[in-house]
Amino acid sequence: MRIIGGAYRGKNLYSPQNEGVRPTADRAREAVFNILNSKLDNAWAEYDVLDVFTGTGALGLEALSRGAKSVALLDINLQTAKRNAALFPKEKEKIKLISADAANLPPAQKTYNLVFMDAPYNKGLSAAALKSLSERGWLAPNAWVLVELEKNENLEDIPCFEQVDERRYGLARVIFFRFRIK
């Protein structure tokens, strides 16, 4: 596993020791970031990124490599993400590690305008996390929220999340949402 693009392109990351962690494949990550490059309203330097169910931290660290203003890596178990974040010593002021249950978040201390979410497949965690992010104030108005699911996994409609795009990559499906406050 490695960083695909940006200032740290080619940097190797630690792989998970826990078999329950399933990182987004390099090719799918590259495709998602290529799509984002065409959809984002602003330069990467204007995005505060939140990587929910971060696992290895690869999605958030990829955004950091591309110039994101800040990156927060959120998971219950941050062991591998912490090791990978340490590989970016020059960026340590931009990286925050948050140990929390994404389905039951505390009130936000900061809002994020770009969110990656890659929950364990077929456990209903994506919907619970989206509701928690929305209700607890973690999302900036019009934030981009990308949710990776198993290709046949259902995701209930959740108020304030407008689907903009959807792509399939092997066994995975990525849905691009905008957070619209009504």
C-alpha atoms as a PDB file:
ATOM      1  CA  MET A   1       0.000   0.000   0.000  1.00  0.00           C
ATOM      2  CA  ARG A   2       1.334   3.409  -0.956  1.00  0.00           C
ATOM      3  CA  ILE A   3       0.464   7.058  -1.556  1.00  0.00           C
ATOM      4  CA  ILE A   4      -0.703   7.433  -5.169  1.00  0.00           C
ATOM      5  CA  GLY A   5      -0.227  11.152  -5.897  1.00  0.00           C
ATOM      6  CA  GLY A   6       0.911  14.525  -4.647  1.00  0.00           C
ATOM      7  CA  ALA A   7       4.002  15.543  -2.706  1.00  0.00           C
ATOM      8  CA  TYR A   8       4.433  12.097  -1.102  1.00  0.00           C
ATOM      9  CA  ARG A   9       3.664  10.021  -4.192  1.00  0.00           C
ATOM     10  CA  GLY A  10       5.165   6.548  -3.882  1.00  0.00           C
ATOM     11  CA  LYS A  11       5.570   6.672  -0.077  1.00  0.00           C
ATOM     12  CA  ASN A  12       4.880   3.215   1.332  1.00  0.00           C
ATOM     13  CA  LEU A  13       2.375   2.842   4.160  1.00  0.00           C
ATOM     14  CA  TYR A  14       2.101   0.159   6.797  1.00  0.00           C
ATOM     15  CA  SER A  15      -0.514  -2.469   6.037  1.00  0.00           C
ATOM     16  CA  PRO A  16      -3.007  -3.451   8.723  1.00  0.00           C
ATOM     17  CA  GLN A  17      -2.094  -6.209  11.161  1.00  0.00           C
ATOM     18  CA  ASN A  18      -5.788  -6.730  11.917  1.00  0.00           C
ATOM     19  CA  GLU A  19      -7.567  -8.958   9.403  1.00  0.00           C
ATOM     20  CA  GLY A  20     -10.758  -6.984  10.043  1.00  0.00           C
ATOM     21  CA  VAL A  21      -9.261  -3.926   8.304  1.00  0.00           C
ATOM     22  CA  ARG A  22      -9.849  -3.809   4.544  1.00  0.00           C
ATOM     23  CA  PRO A  23      -8.036  -0.842   2.980  1.00  0.00           C
ATOM     24  CA  THR A  24      -9.358   0.748  -0.195  1.00  0.00           C
ATOM     25  CA  ALA A  25      -7.357  -0.682  -3.100  1.00  0.00           C
ATOM     26  CA  ASP A  26      -4.721   1.615  -4.635  1.00  0.00           C
ATOM     27  CA  ARG A  27      -6.477   1.619  -8.023  1.00  0.00           C
ATOM     28  CA  ALA A  28      -9.847   2.511  -6.530  1.00  0.00           C
ATOM     29  CA  ARG A  29      -8.249   5.224  -4.375  1.00  0.00           C
ATOM     30  CA  GLU A  30      -6.530   6.669  -7.438  1.00  0.00           C
ATOM     31  CA  ALA A  31      -9.804   6.674  -9.396  1.00  0.00           C
ATOM     32  CA  VAL A  32     -11.684   8.356  -6.535  1.00  0.00           C
ATOM     33  CA  PHE A  33      -9.064  11.096  -6.241  1.00  0.00           C
ATOM     34  CA  ASN A  34      -9.095  11.671 -10.003  1.00  0.00           C
ATOM     35  CA  ILE A  35     -12.876  12.132  -9.844  1.00  0.00           C
ATOM     36  CA  LEU A  36     -12.540  14.460  -6.858  1.00  0.00           C
ATOM     37  CA  ASN A  37     -10.006  16.582  -8.730  1.00  0.00           C
ATOM     38  CA  SER A  38     -12.697  17.313 -11.325  1.00  0.00           C
ATOM     39  CA  LYS A  39     -15.527  17.848  -8.808  1.00  0.00           C
ATOM     40  CA  LEU A  40     -14.003  19.850  -5.962  1.00  0.00           C
ATOM     41  CA  ASP A  41     -15.018  23.499  -5.850  1.00  0.00           C
ATOM     42  CA  ASN A  42     -11.715  24.723  -4.419  1.00  0.00           C
ATOM     43  CA  ALA A  43      -8.011  23.888  -4.237  1.00  0.00           C
ATOM     44  CA  TRP A  44      -6.946  21.042  -1.920  1.00  0.00           C
ATOM     45  CA  ALA A  45      -5.446  23.626   0.469  1.00  0.00           C
ATOM     46  CA  GLU A  46      -8.981  24.734   1.372  1.00  0.00           C
ATOM     47  CA  TYR A  47     -10.144  21.305   2.569  1.00  0.00           C
ATOM     48  CA  ASP A  48     -10.246  20.047   6.121  1.00  0.00           C
ATOM     49  CA  VAL A  49     -10.468  16.287   5.630  1.00  0.00           C
ATOM     50  CA  LEU A  50     -12.018  13.713   7.944  1.00  0.00           C
ATOM     51  CA  ASP A  51     -11.250  10.029   7.296  1.00  0.00           C
ATOM     52  CA  VAL A  52     -13.915   8.029   9.188  1.00  0.00           C
ATOM     53  CA  PHE A  53     -13.317   4.315   9.890  1.00  0.00           C
ATOM     54  CA  THR A  54      -9.786   5.279   8.890  1.00  0.00           C
ATOM     55  CA  GLY A  55      -8.102   1.893   9.419  1.00  0.00           C
ATOM     56  CA  THR A  56      -4.694   2.568   7.868  1.00  0.00           C
ATOM     57  CA  GLY A  57      -5.333   6.280   7.274  1.00  0.00           C
ATOM     58  CA  ALA A  58      -4.577   5.854   3.567  1.00  0.00           C
ATOM     59  CA  LEU A  59      -7.467   8.000   2.279  1.00  0.00           C
ATOM     60  CA  GLY A  60      -6.765  10.895   4.634  1.00  0.00           C
ATOM     61  CA  LEU A  61      -3.014  10.717   4.104  1.00  0.00           C
ATOM     62  CA  GLU A  62      -3.552  10.659   0.340  1.00  0.00           C
ATOM     63  CA  ALA A  63      -5.505  13.925   0.688  1.00  0.00           C
ATOM     64  CA  LEU A  64      -2.669  15.328   2.816  1.00  0.00           C
ATOM     65  CA  SER A  65      -0.162  14.419   0.098  1.00  0.00           C
ATOM     66  CA  ARG A  66      -2.291  16.367  -2.376  1.00  0.00           C
ATOM     67  CA  GLY A  67      -2.215  19.492  -0.203  1.00  0.00           C
ATOM     68  CA  ALA A  68      -5.216  19.274   2.155  1.00  0.00           C
ATOM     69  CA  LYS A  69      -5.232  21.977   4.853  1.00  0.00           C
ATOM     70  CA  SER A  70      -5.712  19.399   7.629  1.00  0.00           C
ATOM     71  CA  VAL A  71      -6.533  15.723   8.066  1.00  0.00           C
ATOM     72  CA  ALA A  72      -8.283  13.989  10.952  1.00  0.00           C
ATOM     73  CA  LEU A  73      -8.089  10.196  11.152  1.00  0.00           C
ATOM     74  CA  LEU A  74     -11.028   8.790  13.128  1.00  0.00           C
ATOM     75  CA  ASP A  75     -11.481   5.198  14.277  1.00  0.00           C
ATOM     76  CA  ILE A  76     -11.959   3.148  17.420  1.00  0.00           C
ATOM     77  CA  ASN A  77      -8.575   1.471  16.854  1.00  0.00           C
ATOM     78  CA  LEU A  78      -5.928   3.897  15.568  1.00  0.00           C
ATOM     79  CA  GLN A  79      -2.933   1.536  15.794  1.00  0.00           C
ATOM     80  CA  THR A  80      -2.087   1.343  12.060  1.00  0.00           C
ATOM     81  CA  ALA A  81      -3.227   4.910  11.319  1.00  0.00           C
ATOM     82  CA  LYS A  82      -0.924   6.198  14.065  1.00  0.00           C
ATOM     83  CA  ARG A  83       2.054   4.316  12.566  1.00  0.00           C
ATOM     84  CA  ASN A  84       1.282   5.710   9.110  1.00  0.00           C
ATOM     85  CA  ALA A  85       0.759   9.271  10.370  1.00  0.00           C
ATOM     86  CA  ALA A  86       4.222   9.096  11.948  1.00  0.00           C
ATOM     87  CA  LEU A  87       5.657   8.604   8.434  1.00  0.00           C
ATOM     88  CA  PHE A  88       4.792  12.269   7.747  1.00  0.00           C
ATOM     89  CA  PRO A  89       6.837  14.143  10.396  1.00  0.00           C
ATOM     90  CA  LYS A  90       6.855  17.408   8.407  1.00  0.00           C
ATOM     91  CA  GLU A  91       3.035  17.350   8.382  1.00  0.00           C
ATOM     92  CA  LYS A  92       2.407  16.428  12.027  1.00  0.00           C
ATOM     93  CA  GLU A  93       0.739  19.789  12.760  1.00  0.00           C
ATOM     94  CA  LYS A  94      -1.828  19.047  10.042  1.00  0.00           C
ATOM     95  CA  ILE A  95      -2.711  15.515  11.250  1.00  0.00           C
ATOM     96  CA  LYS A  96      -5.089  14.788  14.116  1.00  0.00           C
ATOM     97  CA  LEU A  97      -5.898  11.324  15.454  1.00  0.00           C
ATOM     98  CA  ILE A  98      -9.387  10.906  16.920  1.00  0.00           C
ATOM     99  CA  SER A  99     -10.277   7.754  18.823  1.00  0.00           C
ATOM    100  CA  ALA A 100     -14.082   7.540  18.660  1.00  0.00           C
ATOM    101  CA  ASP A 101     -17.034   5.392  17.664  1.00  0.00           C
ATOM    102  CA  ALA A 102     -18.212   6.886  14.359  1.00  0.00           C
ATOM    103  CA  ALA A 103     -21.779   5.753  14.991  1.00  0.00           C
ATOM    104  CA  ASN A 104     -21.906   7.592  18.323  1.00  0.00           C
ATOM    105  CA  LEU A 105     -19.714  10.668  17.999  1.00  0.00           C
ATOM    106  CA  PRO A 106     -19.263  13.375  20.632  1.00  0.00           C
ATOM    107  CA  PRO A 107     -20.156  16.957  19.658  1.00  0.00           C
ATOM    108  CA  ALA A 108     -17.713  18.252  17.034  1.00  0.00           C
ATOM    109  CA  GLN A 109     -14.887  20.592  17.939  1.00  0.00           C
ATOM    110  CA  LYS A 110     -14.340  21.374  14.256  1.00  0.00           C
ATOM    111  CA  THR A 111     -16.248  20.997  10.984  1.00  0.00           C
ATOM    112  CA  TYR A 112     -14.924  19.219   7.909  1.00  0.00           C
ATOM    113  CA  ASN A 113     -15.696  19.953   4.273  1.00  0.00           C
ATOM    114  CA  LEU A 114     -14.366  16.674   2.788  1.00  0.00           C
ATOM    115  CA  VAL A 115     -15.126  13.333   4.429  1.00  0.00           C
ATOM    116  CA  PHE A 116     -14.084   9.820   3.472  1.00  0.00           C
ATOM    117  CA  MET A 117     -15.961   6.915   5.020  1.00  0.00           C
ATOM    118  CA  ASP A 118     -15.053   3.257   4.549  1.00  0.00           C
ATOM    119  CA  ALA A 119     -16.967   1.291   7.208  1.00  0.00           C
ATOM    120  CA  PRO A 120     -16.814  -2.487   7.540  1.00  0.00           C
ATOM    121  CA  TYR A 121     -19.124  -3.833   4.835  1.00  0.00           C
ATOM    122  CA  ASN A 122     -22.727  -4.937   5.427  1.00  0.00           C
ATOM    123  CA  LYS A 123     -22.997  -3.946   9.088  1.00  0.00           C
ATOM    124  CA  GLY A 124     -25.184  -0.836   8.787  1.00  0.00           C
ATOM    125  CA  LEU A 125     -22.386   1.351  10.129  1.00  0.00           C
ATOM    126  CA  SER A 126     -22.303   3.818   7.230  1.00  0.00           C
ATOM    127  CA  ALA A 127     -25.862   5.048   7.816  1.00  0.00           C
ATOM    128  CA  ALA A 128     -25.298   5.289  11.569  1.00  0.00           C
ATOM    129  CA  ALA A 129     -22.069   7.255  11.049  1.00  0.00           C
ATOM    130  CA  LEU A 130     -23.659   9.637   8.526  1.00  0.00           C
ATOM    131  CA  LYS A 131     -26.444  10.406  10.989  1.00  0.00           C
ATOM    132  CA  SER A 132     -23.930  10.915  13.806  1.00  0.00           C
ATOM    133  CA  LEU A 133     -21.725  13.227  11.700  1.00  0.00           C
ATOM    134  CA  SER A 134     -24.754  15.291  10.703  1.00  0.00           C
ATOM    135  CA  GLU A 135     -26.449  15.467  14.101  1.00  0.00           C
ATOM    136  CA  ARG A 136     -23.273  16.162  16.100  1.00  0.00           C
ATOM    137  CA  GLY A 137     -22.053  19.058  13.918  1.00  0.00           C
ATOM    138  CA  TRP A 138     -19.022  17.485  12.218  1.00  0.00           C
ATOM    139  CA  LEU A 139     -19.917  18.588   8.669  1.00  0.00           C
ATOM    140  CA  ALA A 140     -19.531  22.003   7.081  1.00  0.00           C
ATOM    141  CA  PRO A 141     -22.356  23.186   4.798  1.00  0.00           C
ATOM    142  CA  ASN A 142     -21.980  21.655   1.306  1.00  0.00           C
ATOM    143  CA  ALA A 143     -19.285  19.235   2.513  1.00  0.00           C
ATOM    144  CA  TRP A 144     -18.326  16.430   0.190  1.00  0.00           C
ATOM    145  CA  VAL A 145     -18.909  13.024   1.804  1.00  0.00           C
ATOM    146  CA  LEU A 146     -17.639   9.895   0.042  1.00  0.00           C
ATOM    147  CA  VAL A 147     -18.961   6.574   1.297  1.00  0.00           C
ATOM    148  CA  GLU A 148     -17.463   3.242   0.280  1.00  0.00           C
ATOM    149  CA  LEU A 149     -19.791   0.253   0.516  1.00  0.00           C
ATOM    150  CA  GLU A 150     -19.819  -3.341  -0.672  1.00  0.00           C
ATOM    151  CA  LYS A 151     -21.245  -3.259  -4.223  1.00  0.00           C
ATOM    152  CA  ASN A 152     -24.613  -4.806  -3.207  1.00  0.00           C
ATOM    153  CA  GLU A 153     -24.903  -3.143   0.213  1.00  0.00           C
ATOM    154  CA  ASN A 154     -27.979  -0.977   0.762  1.00  0.00           C
ATOM    155  CA  LEU A 155     -27.702   2.482   2.257  1.00  0.00           C
ATOM    156  CA  GLU A 156     -30.886   4.087   3.507  1.00  0.00           C
ATOM    157  CA  ASP A 157     -31.717   7.635   2.469  1.00  0.00           C
ATOM    158  CA  ILE A 158     -30.513  10.040   5.109  1.00  0.00           C
ATOM    159  CA  PRO A 159     -31.808  13.620   5.242  1.00  0.00           C
ATOM    160  CA  CYS A 160     -29.377  16.337   4.135  1.00  0.00           C
ATOM    161  CA  PHE A 161     -27.218  13.995   2.002  1.00  0.00           C
ATOM    162  CA  GLU A 162     -27.665  14.562  -1.727  1.00  0.00           C
ATOM    163  CA  GLN A 163     -26.153  11.871  -3.963  1.00  0.00           C
ATOM    164  CA  VAL A 164     -24.053  13.431  -6.733  1.00  0.00           C
ATOM    165  CA  ASP A 165     -22.287  10.406  -8.232  1.00  0.00           C
ATOM    166  CA  GLU A 166     -21.689   6.700  -7.753  1.00  0.00           C
ATOM    167  CA  ARG A 167     -18.878   4.489  -9.018  1.00  0.00           C
ATOM    168  CA  ARG A 168     -18.087   0.768  -8.791  1.00  0.00           C
ATOM    169  CA  TYR A 169     -14.628  -0.722  -8.331  1.00  0.00           C
ATOM    170  CA  GLY A 170     -14.572  -4.525  -8.167  1.00  0.00           C
ATOM    171  CA  LEU A 171     -16.384  -5.515  -4.954  1.00  0.00           C
ATOM    172  CA  ALA A 172     -16.682  -1.883  -3.823  1.00  0.00           C
ATOM    173  CA  ARG A 173     -19.036   0.972  -4.621  1.00  0.00           C
ATOM    174  CA  VAL A 174     -18.290   4.620  -3.796  1.00  0.00           C
ATOM    175  CA  ILE A 175     -21.125   7.115  -3.426  1.00  0.00           C
ATOM    176  CA  PHE A 176     -20.334  10.841  -3.630  1.00  0.00           C
ATOM    177  CA  PHE A 177     -22.669  12.971  -1.491  1.00  0.00           C
ATOM    178  CA  ARG A 178     -23.032  16.671  -0.761  1.00  0.00           C
ATOM    179  CA  PHE A 179     -24.182  17.648   2.726  1.00  0.00           C
ATOM    180  CA  ARG A 180     -27.054  20.077   2.270  1.00  0.00           C
ATOM    181  CA  ILE A 181     -28.485  21.725   5.381  1.00  0.00           C
ATOM    182  CA  LYS A 182     -32.207  22.307   4.993  1.00  0.00           C
END
